[in-house]
Amino acid sequence: MAFRPLHDRVLVRRVAAEEKTAGGIIIPDSAKEKPQEGEVVAVGTGARAENGTITPLEVKEGDRILFGKWSGTEVKLNGEDLLIMKESDILGIITATAEARKAA
């Protein structure tokens, strides 16, 4: 993809919503909520402090994240619905990328 968010922003692809509950009940489309889980598609360079230094972002491309219900701005890129949000809107990382796991 030829898109890179600026500064401390992150481009996120929502993870598909569950079709069934844990008990096996099928959820109709009209009752589904948008998932609050996603995969990081692209990240900006980092937040710029007042003195000009750049603090790199903690999330990386490929990370699986949780974000707030009303977080981000919905955009359509290459026919795909994505979200752009600030890193501060991200609540946590569920699964780190394979590269991050190797480094840890």
Protein backbone atom coordinates (compact mmCIF):
# COMPACT_ATOMS: atom_id res chain seq x y z
CA MET A 1 0.00 0.00 0.00
CA ALA A 2 1.32 3.44 -0.88
CA PHE A 3 0.07 5.23 2.24
CA ARG A 4 2.04 6.22 5.35
CA PRO A 5 0.37 8.04 8.24
CA LEU A 6 2.06 11.17 9.57
CA HIS A 7 3.64 11.64 13.00
CA ASP A 8 1.98 9.56 15.74
CA ARG A 9 -0.89 8.23 13.62
CA VAL A 10 -1.56 4.58 12.80
CA LEU A 11 -3.51 2.96 9.95
CA VAL A 12 -5.63 0.03 11.22
CA ARG A 13 -7.66 -2.73 9.54
CA ARG A 14 -10.56 -3.95 11.69
CA VAL A 15 -10.64 -7.67 12.45
CA ALA A 16 -13.79 -9.43 11.22
CA ALA A 17 -16.60 -9.57 13.80
CA GLU A 18 -17.57 -12.91 15.28
CA GLU A 19 -20.52 -14.62 13.61
CA LYS A 20 -21.49 -16.62 16.73
CA THR A 21 -21.45 -16.11 20.48
CA ALA A 22 -19.46 -18.41 22.77
CA GLY A 23 -22.69 -20.35 23.34
CA GLY A 24 -23.18 -20.94 19.60
CA ILE A 25 -25.93 -18.39 18.95
CA ILE A 26 -25.64 -16.81 15.49
CA ILE A 27 -25.57 -13.01 15.60
CA PRO A 28 -27.54 -11.27 12.82
CA ASP A 29 -25.84 -8.44 10.90
CA SER A 30 -28.23 -5.86 12.35
CA ALA A 31 -27.16 -6.71 15.93
CA LYS A 32 -23.39 -6.83 15.35
CA GLU A 33 -21.18 -4.13 16.77
CA LYS A 34 -18.08 -3.00 14.98
CA PRO A 35 -15.08 -4.85 16.41
CA GLN A 36 -12.69 -2.95 18.66
CA GLU A 37 -9.81 -5.13 17.56
CA GLY A 38 -7.61 -4.55 14.54
CA GLU A 39 -4.32 -5.11 12.79
CA VAL A 40 -1.83 -2.29 12.28
CA VAL A 41 -1.30 -1.76 8.55
CA ALA A 42 1.06 1.25 8.62
CA VAL A 43 2.58 3.59 11.23
CA GLY A 44 3.90 7.14 11.19
CA THR A 45 7.43 8.18 12.11
CA GLY A 46 6.59 9.12 15.70
CA ALA A 47 5.51 11.95 17.94
CA ARG A 48 7.55 15.16 17.78
CA ALA A 49 8.35 16.83 21.10
CA GLU A 50 8.55 20.60 21.54
CA ASN A 51 12.35 20.47 21.38
CA GLY A 52 12.17 18.71 17.97
CA THR A 53 13.11 15.18 19.02
CA ILE A 54 11.02 12.34 17.62
CA THR A 55 9.74 9.60 19.92
CA PRO A 56 9.15 6.42 17.86
CA LEU A 57 5.82 4.62 18.16
CA GLU A 58 5.49 1.44 20.24
CA VAL A 59 3.18 -0.30 17.77
CA LYS A 60 4.57 -1.81 14.58
CA GLU A 61 3.02 -3.01 11.33
CA GLY A 62 1.35 -6.39 11.86
CA ASP A 63 0.59 -5.86 15.58
CA ARG A 64 -2.89 -6.90 16.70
CA ILE A 65 -4.39 -4.15 18.85
CA LEU A 66 -7.43 -3.15 20.90
CA PHE A 67 -8.81 0.37 20.54
CA GLY A 68 -11.68 2.42 21.95
CA LYS A 69 -15.19 2.11 20.53
CA TRP A 70 -15.19 5.64 19.08
CA SER A 71 -11.49 5.81 18.17
CA GLY A 72 -10.15 6.86 14.82
CA THR A 73 -11.44 8.21 11.55
CA GLU A 74 -12.86 5.81 8.98
CA VAL A 75 -11.28 6.06 5.53
CA LYS A 76 -11.51 4.04 2.32
CA LEU A 77 -8.19 3.24 0.62
CA ASN A 78 -7.97 0.99 -2.45
CA GLY A 79 -11.58 -0.07 -1.84
CA GLU A 80 -10.88 -1.22 1.74
CA ASP A 81 -12.40 0.33 4.88
CA LEU A 82 -9.62 1.29 7.31
CA LEU A 83 -9.18 3.50 10.39
CA ILE A 84 -6.62 6.22 11.03
CA MET A 85 -6.03 6.93 14.72
CA LYS A 86 -3.44 8.38 17.03
CA GLU A 87 -1.29 5.93 18.95
CA SER A 88 -2.81 7.31 22.18
CA ASP A 89 -6.22 5.91 21.08
CA ILE A 90 -4.79 2.37 21.16
CA LEU A 91 -5.55 0.57 24.42
CA GLY A 92 -3.04 -2.26 24.05
CA ILE A 93 -1.26 -4.77 21.85
CA ILE A 94 -2.70 -8.30 21.74
CA THR A 95 -0.08 -10.02 19.58
CA ALA A 96 3.25 -8.56 18.59
CA THR A 97 4.74 -9.11 15.14
CA ALA A 98 6.94 -12.13 14.51
CA GLU A 99 9.99 -9.83 14.32
CA ALA A 100 9.21 -8.35 17.74
CA ARG A 101 8.81 -11.81 19.26
CA LYS A 102 12.21 -12.84 17.88
CA ALA A 103 13.80 -9.70 19.33
CA ALA A 104 12.27 -10.29 22.79
